[in-house]
Protein backbone atom coordinates (compact mmCIF):
# COMPACT_ATOMS: atom_id res chain seq x y z
CA MET A 1 26.62 28.75 8.34
CA ILE A 2 22.85 28.26 8.59
CA SER A 3 22.20 24.71 7.41
CA PHE A 4 19.40 24.13 4.95
CA LEU A 5 18.17 21.29 7.15
CA ASP A 6 19.94 20.18 10.34
CA LEU A 7 18.76 16.58 10.70
CA LYS A 8 21.19 15.86 13.52
CA GLU A 9 19.66 18.66 15.60
CA ILE A 10 16.10 17.63 14.72
CA ASN A 11 16.66 14.03 15.79
CA SER A 12 18.73 14.88 18.88
CA HIS A 13 15.47 15.85 20.63
CA TYR A 14 14.38 12.19 20.47
CA GLU A 15 17.71 10.59 21.34
CA LEU A 16 16.73 9.06 24.70
CA ASP A 17 13.48 7.69 23.30
CA PHE A 18 15.34 6.30 20.30
CA GLN A 19 17.82 4.56 22.58
CA GLU A 20 14.98 3.00 24.57
CA LYS A 21 13.35 1.80 21.35
CA VAL A 22 16.61 0.22 20.19
CA LYS A 23 17.00 -1.57 23.51
CA THR A 24 13.45 -2.94 23.28
CA PHE A 25 14.04 -3.91 19.65
CA LEU A 26 17.18 -5.87 20.55
CA ASN A 27 15.52 -7.58 23.51
CA LYS A 28 12.53 -8.71 21.45
CA GLY A 29 14.58 -10.17 18.62
CA ARG A 30 11.77 -9.58 16.08
CA TYR A 31 13.33 -7.71 13.19
CA ILE A 32 10.80 -7.88 10.31
CA LEU A 33 7.11 -6.83 10.40
CA GLY A 34 6.93 -6.91 14.18
CA ASP A 35 4.98 -4.97 16.78
CA GLU A 36 6.50 -1.59 15.88
CA VAL A 37 5.39 -1.80 12.25
CA LYS A 38 1.90 -2.92 13.29
CA SER A 39 1.70 -0.12 15.85
CA PHE A 40 2.84 2.53 13.37
CA GLU A 41 0.42 1.31 10.71
CA LYS A 42 -2.42 1.55 13.20
CA HIS A 43 -1.49 4.99 14.47
CA PHE A 44 -0.64 6.52 11.10
CA ALA A 45 -3.94 5.29 9.62
CA SER A 46 -5.72 6.88 12.57
CA TYR A 47 -3.70 10.09 12.16
CA CYS A 48 -4.62 10.34 8.46
CA GLY A 49 -8.22 9.32 9.11
CA THR A 50 -8.06 6.23 6.89
CA LYS A 51 -9.04 2.63 7.53
CA HIS A 52 -5.75 1.11 6.40
CA CYS A 53 -2.02 1.87 6.40
CA ILE A 54 0.53 -0.41 4.78
CA GLY A 55 4.17 0.21 5.69
CA VAL A 56 6.63 -0.20 2.81
CA GLY A 57 10.30 0.33 2.07
CA ASN A 58 10.17 3.89 0.71
CA GLY A 59 7.96 6.47 -0.96
CA LEU A 60 8.71 5.35 -4.51
CA ASP A 61 7.72 1.78 -3.67
CA ALA A 62 4.54 3.11 -2.09
CA LEU A 63 3.46 4.65 -5.39
CA VAL A 64 4.56 1.68 -7.50
CA LEU A 65 2.69 -0.75 -5.26
CA ILE A 66 -0.52 1.30 -5.40
CA PHE A 67 -0.44 1.10 -9.20
CA LYS A 68 0.45 -2.60 -9.17
CA GLY A 69 -2.22 -3.24 -6.56
CA TYR A 70 -4.88 -1.72 -8.78
CA ILE A 71 -3.59 -3.80 -11.68
CA ALA A 72 -3.87 -6.91 -9.49
CA VAL A 73 -7.52 -6.18 -8.63
CA GLY A 74 -8.35 -5.40 -12.26
CA LYS A 75 -8.99 -1.65 -11.96
CA LEU A 76 -5.89 -0.78 -13.99
CA HIS A 77 -4.18 -2.48 -16.93
CA LYS A 78 -0.71 -2.11 -18.40
CA GLY A 79 -0.66 0.75 -20.88
CA ASP A 80 -3.31 2.81 -19.10
CA GLU A 81 -2.63 6.54 -18.84
CA VAL A 82 -1.90 8.39 -15.60
CA ILE A 83 -2.33 12.17 -15.54
CA VAL A 84 0.56 13.65 -13.54
CA PRO A 85 1.85 17.19 -12.83
CA ALA A 86 4.73 18.02 -15.15
CA ASN A 87 6.80 19.74 -12.44
CA THR A 88 6.79 16.95 -9.86
CA PHE A 89 9.87 15.16 -8.55
CA ILE A 90 10.83 12.42 -11.00
CA ALA A 91 9.85 9.65 -8.54
CA SER A 92 6.18 10.30 -9.35
CA VAL A 93 6.87 9.53 -13.00
CA LEU A 94 9.21 6.60 -12.33
CA ALA A 95 6.46 4.91 -10.32
CA ILE A 96 4.07 5.17 -13.27
CA LEU A 97 6.63 3.69 -15.64
CA GLN A 98 7.67 0.90 -13.27
CA ALA A 99 4.05 -0.22 -13.19
CA ASP A 100 3.98 -0.31 -17.02
CA LEU A 101 1.60 2.65 -17.18
CA VAL A 102 1.92 5.81 -19.30
CA PRO A 103 2.45 9.30 -17.83
CA VAL A 104 0.52 12.22 -19.31
CA PHE A 105 2.06 15.52 -18.20
CA VAL A 106 -0.11 18.46 -17.16
CA GLU A 107 1.22 21.93 -16.39
CA PRO A 108 0.89 23.35 -12.85
CA ASP A 109 -0.86 26.42 -11.55
CA ILE A 110 1.93 29.00 -11.37
CA GLU A 111 0.67 30.31 -8.02
CA THR A 112 0.49 27.02 -6.10
CA TYR A 113 2.90 24.88 -8.18
CA ASN A 114 0.36 22.05 -7.96
CA ILE A 115 -1.37 20.49 -10.97
CA ASP A 116 -3.83 22.90 -12.62
CA PRO A 117 -7.27 21.22 -12.53
CA ASP A 118 -8.48 23.41 -15.40
CA LEU A 119 -5.90 21.76 -17.68
CA ILE A 120 -6.67 18.17 -16.71
CA ILE A 121 -9.84 17.68 -18.74
CA GLU A 122 -8.16 18.48 -22.06
CA LYS A 123 -5.67 15.67 -21.42
CA ILE A 124 -8.28 12.99 -20.71
CA THR A 125 -8.57 10.24 -23.33
CA GLN A 126 -10.19 6.81 -23.46
CA LYS A 127 -6.94 5.43 -22.00
CA SER A 128 -6.98 7.78 -18.99
CA LYS A 129 -7.54 5.86 -15.76
CA VAL A 130 -5.80 7.81 -12.96
CA ILE A 131 -5.13 11.33 -11.78
CA LEU A 132 -1.98 11.44 -9.66
CA ALA A 133 -2.31 14.48 -7.40
CA VAL A 134 1.04 15.57 -5.97
CA HIS A 135 0.97 17.84 -2.90
CA LEU A 136 4.16 19.58 -3.93
CA TYR A 137 6.29 21.35 -1.31
CA GLY A 138 3.68 20.41 1.33
CA GLN A 139 0.66 22.27 -0.06
CA LEU A 140 -2.52 20.32 -0.73
CA ALA A 141 -3.52 20.09 -4.38
CA GLU A 142 -7.04 21.25 -5.30
CA MET A 143 -8.62 17.95 -4.33
CA ASP A 144 -12.24 19.08 -4.56
CA LYS A 145 -11.84 19.97 -8.24
CA ILE A 146 -9.66 16.94 -8.96
CA ASN A 147 -12.10 14.53 -7.34
CA ALA A 148 -15.03 16.11 -9.19
CA ILE A 149 -13.24 15.60 -12.51
CA ALA A 150 -12.35 12.02 -11.56
CA LEU A 151 -15.97 11.26 -10.65
CA ALA A 152 -17.23 12.69 -13.92
CA TYR A 153 -14.79 10.62 -16.00
CA ASP A 154 -14.66 7.51 -13.79
CA LEU A 155 -10.99 7.90 -12.91
CA LEU A 156 -9.02 6.76 -9.89
CA VAL A 157 -7.37 9.46 -7.78
CA ILE A 158 -4.05 8.74 -6.09
CA GLU A 159 -2.20 11.17 -3.84
CA ASP A 160 1.56 11.53 -3.87
CA ALA A 161 1.70 12.85 -0.32
CA ALA A 162 5.44 12.36 0.14
CA GLN A 163 5.87 16.02 1.15
CA ALA A 164 2.54 16.61 2.86
CA HIS A 165 2.36 14.71 6.15
CA GLY A 166 -0.35 16.37 8.24
CA THR A 167 -1.70 18.81 5.65
CA ILE A 168 -5.34 19.57 6.54
CA LEU A 169 -8.38 20.92 4.70
CA ASP A 170 -11.86 20.92 6.26
CA ASN A 171 -10.72 18.58 9.05
CA LYS A 172 -9.44 16.00 6.57
CA LYS A 173 -5.76 15.17 6.23
CA ALA A 174 -3.56 14.39 3.23
CA GLY A 175 -3.76 10.68 2.56
CA ASN A 176 -7.54 10.64 2.90
CA PHE A 177 -8.62 12.66 -0.17
CA SER A 178 -8.29 9.84 -2.69
CA HIS A 179 -8.57 6.14 -3.40
CA ALA A 180 -5.03 5.64 -2.08
CA ALA A 181 -2.04 7.75 -1.07
CA ALA A 182 1.72 7.29 -0.95
CA PHE A 183 3.97 8.69 1.79
CA SER A 184 7.74 8.85 2.13
CA PHE A 185 9.56 8.89 5.45
CA TYR A 186 12.92 9.83 3.94
CA PRO A 187 14.91 11.53 6.75
CA GLY A 188 14.31 15.06 5.46
CA LYS A 189 10.51 14.78 5.35
CA ASN A 190 8.27 16.47 7.92
CA LEU A 191 7.86 13.01 9.43
CA GLY A 192 11.25 11.51 8.72
CA ALA A 193 12.80 8.21 9.73
CA LEU A 194 16.53 7.66 10.28
CA GLY A 195 16.72 5.88 6.94
CA ASP A 196 14.32 5.01 4.16
CA GLY A 197 10.69 4.20 4.78
CA GLY A 198 7.27 4.67 3.25
CA ALA A 199 3.57 3.92 3.66
CA ILE A 200 0.30 3.69 1.77
CA THR A 201 -3.03 4.86 3.20
CA THR A 202 -6.40 3.83 1.80
CA ASN A 203 -10.00 3.13 2.69
CA ASP A 204 -10.18 0.38 0.06
CA TYR A 205 -10.22 -2.97 1.86
CA GLU A 206 -9.61 -5.03 -1.28
CA LEU A 207 -6.62 -2.91 -2.28
CA ALA A 208 -5.17 -2.99 1.24
CA GLU A 209 -5.31 -6.79 1.37
CA VAL A 210 -3.46 -7.01 -1.96
CA LEU A 211 -0.87 -4.45 -0.82
CA PHE A 212 -0.08 -6.32 2.40
CA SER A 213 0.69 -9.28 0.16
CA LEU A 214 2.53 -7.44 -2.64
CA ARG A 215 5.02 -5.81 -0.26
CA ASN A 216 6.00 -9.26 1.08
CA TYR A 217 6.80 -11.36 -2.00
CA GLY A 218 3.11 -11.52 -2.92
CA SER A 219 2.49 -13.62 0.16
CA THR A 220 0.38 -13.44 3.31
CA ILE A 221 1.08 -17.07 4.23
CA LYS A 222 4.79 -17.91 4.34
CA TYR A 223 6.06 -19.64 1.20
CA LYS A 224 2.67 -19.27 -0.52
CA SER A 225 2.63 -16.45 -3.10
CA GLU A 226 -0.63 -15.22 -4.61
CA PHE A 227 0.89 -12.35 -6.62
CA ILE A 228 4.18 -11.41 -8.24
CA GLY A 229 5.28 -9.34 -5.28
CA VAL A 230 8.39 -7.55 -4.08
CA ASN A 231 10.35 -7.20 -0.88
CA SER A 232 9.38 -3.73 0.31
CA ARG A 233 8.54 -3.81 4.00
CA LEU A 234 8.78 -0.89 6.40
CA ASP A 235 11.80 -1.67 8.57
CA GLU A 236 10.92 -2.57 12.15
CA LEU A 237 13.51 -0.21 13.65
CA GLN A 238 12.49 2.69 11.39
CA ALA A 239 8.87 2.08 12.42
CA ALA A 240 9.99 2.32 16.06
CA PHE A 241 11.61 5.70 15.40
CA LEU A 242 8.51 6.90 13.53
CA ASN A 243 6.32 5.86 16.46
CA VAL A 244 8.41 8.18 18.64
CA LYS A 245 8.17 11.13 16.23
CA LEU A 246 4.55 10.91 15.04
CA PRO A 247 3.01 12.54 18.17
CA GLN A 248 5.22 15.62 17.56
CA LEU A 249 4.32 16.02 13.89
CA ASP A 250 1.51 18.56 14.26
CA ASP A 251 3.62 20.80 16.50
CA ASP A 252 6.52 20.57 14.06
CA ASN A 253 4.23 21.51 11.19
CA GLU A 254 2.97 24.51 13.16
CA SER A 255 6.58 25.60 13.71
CA ARG A 256 7.13 25.46 9.96
CA ARG A 257 4.00 27.53 9.34
CA THR A 258 5.16 30.12 11.90
CA ILE A 259 8.46 30.51 10.04
CA ALA A 260 6.66 30.65 6.69
CA LYS A 261 4.41 33.45 7.97
CA ARG A 262 7.46 35.41 9.07
CA TYR A 263 9.10 34.96 5.66
CA LEU A 264 5.93 35.98 3.85
CA LEU A 265 5.35 39.07 5.96
CA LYS A 266 8.93 40.35 6.09
CA ILE A 267 10.66 39.42 2.85
CA LYS A 268 10.39 42.53 0.70
CA ASN A 269 12.36 42.24 -2.51
CA ASP A 270 10.83 42.91 -5.93
CA LYS A 271 13.30 40.49 -7.54
CA ILE A 272 11.72 37.58 -5.64
CA VAL A 273 8.36 35.84 -6.02
CA LEU A 274 7.06 34.42 -2.73
CA PRO A 275 4.75 31.39 -2.45
CA ILE A 276 0.98 31.92 -2.34
CA TRP A 277 -0.70 30.68 0.82
CA ASP A 278 -4.13 31.33 2.36
CA TRP A 279 -2.83 31.06 5.96
CA SER A 280 -4.79 27.85 6.61
CA ASN A 281 -3.41 24.42 7.52
CA ASN A 282 -3.52 23.28 3.89
CA HIS A 283 0.27 23.76 3.75
CA VAL A 284 2.88 22.13 6.00
CA PHE A 285 5.84 23.83 4.31
CA HIS A 286 8.01 20.82 3.75
CA LEU A 287 9.78 23.38 1.59
CA PHE A 288 9.62 27.17 1.44
CA VAL A 289 10.15 27.86 -2.24
CA ILE A 290 10.80 31.27 -3.76
CA ARG A 291 11.39 32.18 -7.40
CA THR A 292 13.76 34.61 -9.07
CA LYS A 293 15.09 35.17 -12.58
CA LYS A 294 18.64 35.11 -11.20
CA ARG A 295 18.29 31.96 -9.14
CA ASP A 296 21.91 30.77 -9.37
CA ASP A 297 23.23 34.23 -8.55
CA LEU A 298 20.94 34.50 -5.51
CA GLN A 299 21.96 31.05 -4.30
CA GLN A 300 25.65 31.96 -4.51
CA TYR A 301 25.02 35.29 -2.75
CA LEU A 302 23.22 33.55 0.12
CA LEU A 303 25.96 30.93 0.43
CA GLU A 304 28.60 33.66 0.62
CA ASN A 305 26.56 35.16 3.45
CA GLY A 306 26.36 31.90 5.40
CA ILE A 307 22.97 30.55 4.26
CA GLN A 308 22.57 27.14 2.61
CA THR A 309 19.78 26.74 0.08
CA VAL A 310 18.67 23.90 -2.23
CA ILE A 311 17.12 23.82 -5.70
CA HIS A 312 13.97 21.64 -5.82
CA TYR A 313 14.37 20.70 -8.68
CA PRO A 314 16.88 21.86 -11.34
CA ILE A 315 15.66 19.62 -14.21
CA PRO A 316 11.98 18.84 -14.93
CA PRO A 317 11.09 15.18 -15.53
CA HIS A 318 10.31 15.60 -19.24
CA GLN A 319 13.83 16.96 -19.86
CA GLN A 320 15.65 14.16 -18.04
CA LYS A 321 17.82 11.80 -20.08
CA ALA A 322 16.05 8.86 -18.44
CA LEU A 323 12.76 10.07 -19.95
CA LYS A 324 14.05 10.83 -23.44
CA GLU A 325 10.75 9.68 -24.94
CA TRP A 326 9.23 12.90 -23.57
CA ASN A 327 12.16 15.25 -24.24
CA TYR A 328 10.30 16.74 -27.22
CA LEU A 329 7.59 18.24 -24.99
CA SER A 330 7.33 21.99 -24.54
CA LEU A 331 5.99 22.80 -21.07
CA PRO A 332 6.81 26.48 -20.55
CA ILE A 333 5.34 26.94 -17.06
CA THR A 334 7.09 23.85 -15.74
CA GLU A 335 10.37 24.82 -17.39
CA MET A 336 10.23 28.35 -15.97
CA ILE A 337 9.58 26.99 -12.47
CA HIS A 338 12.54 24.63 -12.62
CA GLN A 339 14.79 27.46 -13.83
CA GLU A 340 13.75 29.90 -11.10
CA VAL A 341 12.94 28.05 -7.85
CA LEU A 342 15.10 28.15 -4.74
CA SER A 343 14.27 26.67 -1.34
CA LEU A 344 15.11 28.66 1.78
CA PRO A 345 15.87 26.92 5.10
CA ILE A 346 12.76 25.93 7.07
CA SER A 347 12.54 23.42 9.90
CA PRO A 348 11.31 23.09 13.51
CA VAL A 349 14.84 23.74 14.84
CA LEU A 350 15.48 26.95 12.89
CA THR A 351 15.65 29.82 15.39
CA ILE A 352 13.90 33.18 15.05
CA ASP A 353 17.30 34.90 14.96
CA GLU A 354 18.33 32.68 12.06
CA VAL A 355 15.04 33.35 10.27
CA ASP A 356 15.46 37.09 10.73
CA PHE A 357 19.04 36.93 9.44
CA ILE A 358 17.84 35.06 6.33
CA ILE A 359 15.10 37.66 5.80
CA LYS A 360 17.54 40.55 6.21
CA THR A 361 20.02 38.96 3.81
CA VAL A 362 17.39 38.18 1.17
CA ASN A 363 16.04 41.73 1.39
CA LYS A 364 19.52 43.14 0.72
CA TYR A 365 19.93 41.13 -2.48
């Protein structure tokens, strides 16, 4: 069986370095917001090209805290509207709601699966304050167009970069195309921890200072709280593991692109729609997502032939029971995508023989 994602194999390459980090961690006896977190924040900010990085508990918290941070500095207010792609993972929407803001769903571009900039303007109202750009599946959203719209209408731009670590356009990386960006280090991400973890990148000094406080009970001085904060700190041990893996990220992303190129060049099946990609580094292929009218049938066929696949995602946010207030919406492009998408295996440890077997099997379908 070809695993969809073999995390054990991916992390086995770092085992000796991980063990050394654990030994150092135990010897230091500093378990919360220690040297490893500070080191990772410094290096990840440098990697993304931003002035600040704030390590937090997970990717969802990263988004929530950005919104709450902008509320704290007076740039957002409860009830403000956030324009968000309709086909994103539900975490993007949950973050908006947890900050007492209002999501406004916009359909994606069917070729890139990212928010369609041409549809954003018609959704802008006097209550619109933010465009949340999600780099879905690892491909950069059209940030030039999005930022131009935001500038024209005086809107904040926030990146949900949870799937896009290391994505590059014109020598600028994801996390540095907006006012602030949220990252997840969930184990399956391109830069994955061995548990939960997240971070925020920004060039906004005022926001960064508030975020360092908000993640730690609203406090920068122990027992003195300036804001209604939370406990969402990047774990010291997870930061240590991330410090080991960060230098390998670009090579891992290139391995993913190499596999994606092979898929794109060799999969030949008129029942299947392949992703659109311009062969640049604007995609890190966190996921390689195909579409087909008979998605469930194809998934079962591949499983019977020893290939694991995953559906990202079977139910769009506006059709979730948790978001029943938006169940009435008709979003045909989003709904079609969620009914047809299927993710093929892609990772730095997938072998060429395995890739070729997947291609051969898909072509026979």
